[in-house]
């Protein structure tokens, strides 16, 4: 079995709830860059992720 071993500048985790999302972005060293609760809608999520797209 081959494992994914490519490093990325940022890592993102999203906790999905009915009305809200908790978004956490870490850098490659594990430091928290962003940790925020937002409404469960596409627009607020995209607004948060735009600066990191292509690096997550």
PDB file of N, CA and C in Angstrom:
ATOM      1  N   UNK A   1       0.845  -1.176   0.000  1.00  0.00           N
ATOM      2  CA  UNK A   1       0.000   0.000   0.000  1.00  0.00           C
ATOM      3  C   UNK A   1       0.892   1.241   0.000  1.00  0.00           C
ATOM      4  N   UNK A   2       0.569   2.175  -0.846  1.00  0.00           N
ATOM      5  CA  UNK A   2       1.310   3.440  -0.894  1.00  0.00           C
ATOM      6  C   UNK A   2       0.595   4.477  -0.046  1.00  0.00           C
ATOM      7  N   UNK A   3       1.382   5.246   0.656  1.00  0.00           N
ATOM      8  CA  UNK A   3       0.820   6.278   1.518  1.00  0.00           C
ATOM      9  C   UNK A   3       1.098   7.643   0.917  1.00  0.00           C
ATOM     10  N   UNK A   4       0.192   8.577   1.179  1.00  0.00           N
ATOM     11  CA  UNK A   4       0.344   9.947   0.711  1.00  0.00           C
ATOM     12  C   UNK A   4       1.371  10.633   1.588  1.00  0.00           C
ATOM     13  N   UNK A   5       2.474  11.109   0.998  1.00  0.00           N
ATOM     14  CA  UNK A   5       3.569  11.682   1.791  1.00  0.00           C
ATOM     15  C   UNK A   5       3.909  13.120   1.408  1.00  0.00           C
ATOM     16  N   UNK A   6       3.127  13.747   0.555  1.00  0.00           N
ATOM     17  CA  UNK A   6       3.399  15.110   0.123  1.00  0.00           C
ATOM     18  C   UNK A   6       3.052  16.107   1.231  1.00  0.00           C
ATOM     19  N   UNK A   7       3.955  17.037   1.512  1.00  0.00           N
ATOM     20  CA  UNK A   7       3.713  18.084   2.504  1.00  0.00           C
ATOM     21  C   UNK A   7       2.978  19.252   1.852  1.00  0.00           C
ATOM     22  N   UNK A   8       2.160  19.919   2.635  1.00  0.00           N
ATOM     23  CA  UNK A   8       1.442  21.106   2.180  1.00  0.00           C
ATOM     24  C   UNK A   8       1.710  22.246   3.152  1.00  0.00           C
ATOM     25  N   UNK A   9       1.621  23.493   2.690  1.00  0.00           N
ATOM     26  CA  UNK A   9       1.830  24.625   3.596  1.00  0.00           C
ATOM     27  C   UNK A   9       0.744  24.741   4.665  1.00  0.00           C
ATOM     28  N   UNK A  10      -0.489  24.297   4.355  1.00  0.00           N
ATOM     29  CA  UNK A  10      -1.606  24.428   5.285  1.00  0.00           C
ATOM     30  C   UNK A  10      -2.448  23.164   5.285  1.00  0.00           C
ATOM     31  N   UNK A  11      -3.081  22.899   6.422  1.00  0.00           N
ATOM     32  CA  UNK A  11      -4.003  21.779   6.579  1.00  0.00           C
ATOM     33  C   UNK A  11      -5.301  22.330   7.140  1.00  0.00           C
ATOM     34  N   UNK A  12      -6.432  21.828   6.664  1.00  0.00           N
ATOM     35  CA  UNK A  12      -7.738  22.358   7.056  1.00  0.00           C
ATOM     36  C   UNK A  12      -8.622  21.232   7.581  1.00  0.00           C
ATOM     37  N   UNK A  13      -9.283  21.509   8.692  1.00  0.00           N
ATOM     38  CA  UNK A  13     -10.280  20.605   9.241  1.00  0.00           C
ATOM     39  C   UNK A  13     -11.583  21.370   9.395  1.00  0.00           C
ATOM     40  N   UNK A  14     -12.692  20.707   9.077  1.00  0.00           N
ATOM     41  CA  UNK A  14     -14.003  21.347   9.169  1.00  0.00           C
ATOM     42  C   UNK A  14     -14.945  20.418   9.914  1.00  0.00           C
ATOM     43  N   UNK A  15     -15.562  20.944  10.980  1.00  0.00           N
ATOM     44  CA  UNK A  15     -16.569  20.219  11.746  1.00  0.00           C
ATOM     45  C   UNK A  15     -17.929  20.719  11.279  1.00  0.00           C
ATOM     46  N   UNK A  16     -18.706  19.831  10.679  1.00  0.00           N
ATOM     47  CA  UNK A  16     -19.995  20.201  10.103  1.00  0.00           C
ATOM     48  C   UNK A  16     -21.117  20.008  11.111  1.00  0.00           C
ATOM     49  N   UNK A  17     -21.907  21.035  11.302  1.00  0.00           N
ATOM     50  CA  UNK A  17     -23.112  20.973  12.117  1.00  0.00           C
ATOM     51  C   UNK A  17     -24.278  21.466  11.270  1.00  0.00           C
ATOM     52  N   UNK A  18     -25.481  21.376  11.785  1.00  0.00           N
ATOM     53  CA  UNK A  18     -26.665  21.750  11.002  1.00  0.00           C
ATOM     54  C   UNK A  18     -26.665  23.216  10.612  1.00  0.00           C
ATOM     55  N   UNK A  19     -26.271  24.098  11.536  1.00  0.00           N
ATOM     56  CA  UNK A  19     -26.353  25.529  11.264  1.00  0.00           C
ATOM     57  C   UNK A  19     -25.010  26.235  11.266  1.00  0.00           C
ATOM     58  N   UNK A  20     -23.965  25.539  11.646  1.00  0.00           N
ATOM     59  CA  UNK A  20     -22.655  26.195  11.701  1.00  0.00           C
ATOM     60  C   UNK A  20     -21.547  25.229  11.309  1.00  0.00           C
ATOM     61  N   UNK A  21     -20.413  25.811  10.967  1.00  0.00           N
ATOM     62  CA  UNK A  21     -19.192  25.065  10.664  1.00  0.00           C
ATOM     63  C   UNK A  21     -18.088  25.594  11.563  1.00  0.00           C
ATOM     64  N   UNK A  22     -17.258  24.711  12.047  1.00  0.00           N
ATOM     65  CA  UNK A  22     -16.054  25.117  12.755  1.00  0.00           C
ATOM     66  C   UNK A  22     -14.890  24.816  11.832  1.00  0.00           C
ATOM     67  N   UNK A  23     -14.145  25.844  11.470  1.00  0.00           N
ATOM     68  CA  UNK A  23     -13.045  25.709  10.517  1.00  0.00           C
ATOM     69  C   UNK A  23     -11.735  25.951  11.258  1.00  0.00           C
ATOM     70  N   UNK A  24     -10.796  25.037  11.074  1.00  0.00           N
ATOM     71  CA  UNK A  24      -9.476  25.184  11.675  1.00  0.00           C
ATOM     72  C   UNK A  24      -8.428  24.981  10.582  1.00  0.00           C
ATOM     73  N   UNK A  25      -7.493  25.912  10.474  1.00  0.00           N
ATOM     74  CA  UNK A  25      -6.403  25.802   9.512  1.00  0.00           C
ATOM     75  C   UNK A  25      -5.092  25.825  10.293  1.00  0.00           C
ATOM     76  N   UNK A  26      -4.250  24.837  10.025  1.00  0.00           N
ATOM     77  CA  UNK A  26      -2.933  24.732  10.644  1.00  0.00           C
ATOM     78  C   UNK A  26      -1.866  24.932   9.588  1.00  0.00           C
ATOM     79  N   UNK A  27      -0.725  25.463  10.009  1.00  0.00           N
ATOM     80  CA  UNK A  27       0.393  25.544   9.064  1.00  0.00           C
ATOM     81  C   UNK A  27       1.173  24.236   9.118  1.00  0.00           C
ATOM     82  N   UNK A  28       2.233  24.142   8.332  1.00  0.00           N
ATOM     83  CA  UNK A  28       2.980  22.882   8.223  1.00  0.00           C
ATOM     84  C   UNK A  28       3.697  22.490   9.510  1.00  0.00           C
ATOM     85  N   UNK A  29       3.856  23.429  10.441  1.00  0.00           N
ATOM     86  CA  UNK A  29       4.481  23.110  11.726  1.00  0.00           C
ATOM     87  C   UNK A  29       3.452  22.756  12.794  1.00  0.00           C
ATOM     88  N   UNK A  30       2.153  22.854  12.468  1.00  0.00           N
ATOM     89  CA  UNK A  30       1.099  22.516  13.402  1.00  0.00           C
ATOM     90  C   UNK A  30       0.562  23.698  14.185  1.00  0.00           C
ATOM     91  N   UNK A  31       1.021  24.897  13.871  1.00  0.00           N
ATOM     92  CA  UNK A  31       0.521  26.099  14.537  1.00  0.00           C
ATOM     93  C   UNK A  31      -0.852  26.472  13.975  1.00  0.00           C
ATOM     94  N   UNK A  32      -1.767  26.863  14.853  1.00  0.00           N
ATOM     95  CA  UNK A  32      -3.107  27.261  14.429  1.00  0.00           C
ATOM     96  C   UNK A  32      -3.054  28.617  13.748  1.00  0.00           C
ATOM     97  N   UNK A  33      -3.498  28.671  12.505  1.00  0.00           N
ATOM     98  CA  UNK A  33      -3.553  29.904  11.731  1.00  0.00           C
ATOM     99  C   UNK A  33      -4.936  30.530  11.854  1.00  0.00           C
ATOM    100  N   UNK A  34      -5.968  29.689  11.839  1.00  0.00           N
ATOM    101  CA  UNK A  34      -7.339  30.181  11.875  1.00  0.00           C
ATOM    102  C   UNK A  34      -8.198  29.153  12.596  1.00  0.00           C
ATOM    103  N   UNK A  35      -9.049  29.602  13.489  1.00  0.00           N
ATOM    104  CA  UNK A  35     -10.014  28.726  14.161  1.00  0.00           C
ATOM    105  C   UNK A  35     -11.264  29.557  14.379  1.00  0.00           C
ATOM    106  N   UNK A  36     -12.318  29.244  13.627  1.00  0.00           N
ATOM    107  CA  UNK A  36     -13.480  30.120  13.620  1.00  0.00           C
ATOM    108  C   UNK A  36     -14.764  29.326  13.411  1.00  0.00           C
ATOM    109  N   UNK A  37     -15.840  29.808  14.006  1.00  0.00           N
ATOM    110  CA  UNK A  37     -17.177  29.274  13.757  1.00  0.00           C
ATOM    111  C   UNK A  37     -17.860  30.189  12.744  1.00  0.00           C
ATOM    112  N   UNK A  38     -18.454  29.596  11.718  1.00  0.00           N
ATOM    113  CA  UNK A  38     -19.161  30.365  10.691  1.00  0.00           C
ATOM    114  C   UNK A  38     -20.503  29.703  10.411  1.00  0.00           C
ATOM    115  N   UNK A  39     -21.373  30.415   9.707  1.00  0.00           N
ATOM    116  CA  UNK A  39     -22.658  29.848   9.302  1.00  0.00           C
ATOM    117  C   UNK A  39     -22.427  28.737   8.278  1.00  0.00           C
ATOM    118  N   UNK A  40     -23.284  27.745   8.300  1.00  0.00           N
ATOM    119  CA  UNK A  40     -23.175  26.611   7.383  1.00  0.00           C
ATOM    120  C   UNK A  40     -23.733  26.981   6.015  1.00  0.00           C
ATOM    121  N   UNK A  41     -23.013  27.833   5.329  1.00  0.00           N
ATOM    122  CA  UNK A  41     -23.365  28.297   3.991  1.00  0.00           C
ATOM    123  C   UNK A  41     -22.085  28.281   3.149  1.00  0.00           C
ATOM    124  N   UNK A  42     -22.194  28.099   1.841  1.00  0.00           N
ATOM    125  CA  UNK A  42     -21.004  28.053   0.997  1.00  0.00           C
ATOM    126  C   UNK A  42     -20.205  29.361   0.970  1.00  0.00           C
ATOM    127  N   UNK A  43     -20.900  30.485   0.969  1.00  0.00           N
ATOM    128  CA  UNK A  43     -20.211  31.777   0.815  1.00  0.00           C
ATOM    129  C   UNK A  43     -19.246  32.078   1.967  1.00  0.00           C
ATOM    130  N   UNK A  44     -19.670  31.958   3.241  1.00  0.00           N
ATOM    131  CA  UNK A  44     -18.712  32.230   4.326  1.00  0.00           C
ATOM    132  C   UNK A  44     -17.520  31.277   4.316  1.00  0.00           C
ATOM    133  N   UNK A  45     -17.761  30.017   3.948  1.00  0.00           N
ATOM    134  CA  UNK A  45     -16.659  29.059   3.889  1.00  0.00           C
ATOM    135  C   UNK A  45     -15.678  29.437   2.784  1.00  0.00           C
ATOM    136  N   UNK A  46     -16.185  29.765   1.628  1.00  0.00           N
ATOM    137  CA  UNK A  46     -15.310  30.157   0.529  1.00  0.00           C
ATOM    138  C   UNK A  46     -14.513  31.418   0.876  1.00  0.00           C
ATOM    139  N   UNK A  47     -15.164  32.372   1.542  1.00  0.00           N
ATOM    140  CA  UNK A  47     -14.462  33.589   1.953  1.00  0.00           C
ATOM    141  C   UNK A  47     -13.275  33.280   2.863  1.00  0.00           C
ATOM    142  N   UNK A  48     -13.429  32.300   3.756  1.00  0.00           N
ATOM    143  CA  UNK A  48     -12.329  31.924   4.646  1.00  0.00           C
ATOM    144  C   UNK A  48     -11.214  31.183   3.903  1.00  0.00           C
ATOM    145  N   UNK A  49     -11.593  30.343   2.953  1.00  0.00           N
ATOM    146  CA  UNK A  49     -10.622  29.465   2.301  1.00  0.00           C
ATOM    147  C   UNK A  49      -9.887  30.099   1.114  1.00  0.00           C
ATOM    148  N   UNK A  50     -10.414  31.170   0.550  1.00  0.00           N
ATOM    149  CA  UNK A  50      -9.812  31.770  -0.645  1.00  0.00           C
ATOM    150  C   UNK A  50      -8.303  32.031  -0.490  1.00  0.00           C
ATOM    151  N   UNK A  51      -7.836  32.597   0.634  1.00  0.00           N
ATOM    152  CA  UNK A  51      -6.385  32.862   0.731  1.00  0.00           C
ATOM    153  C   UNK A  51      -5.524  31.588   0.754  1.00  0.00           C
ATOM    154  N   UNK A  52      -6.149  30.436   1.042  1.00  0.00           N
ATOM    155  CA  UNK A  52      -5.391  29.184   1.204  1.00  0.00           C
ATOM    156  C   UNK A  52      -5.602  28.199   0.052  1.00  0.00           C
ATOM    157  N   UNK A  53      -6.520  28.491  -0.867  1.00  0.00           N
ATOM    158  CA  UNK A  53      -6.818  27.567  -1.956  1.00  0.00           C
ATOM    159  C   UNK A  53      -5.552  27.315  -2.777  1.00  0.00           C
ATOM    160  N   UNK A  54      -5.316  26.072  -3.059  1.00  0.00           N
ATOM    161  CA  UNK A  54      -4.122  25.670  -3.790  1.00  0.00           C
ATOM    162  C   UNK A  54      -2.960  25.318  -2.869  1.00  0.00           C
ATOM    163  N   UNK A  55      -3.090  25.635  -1.573  1.00  0.00           N
ATOM    164  CA  UNK A  55      -2.042  25.321  -0.604  1.00  0.00           C
ATOM    165  C   UNK A  55      -2.526  24.432   0.530  1.00  0.00           C
ATOM    166  N   UNK A  56      -3.784  24.013   0.476  1.00  0.00           N
ATOM    167  CA  UNK A  56      -4.342  23.148   1.525  1.00  0.00           C
ATOM    168  C   UNK A  56      -4.272  21.707   1.053  1.00  0.00           C
TER     169      UNK A  56
END
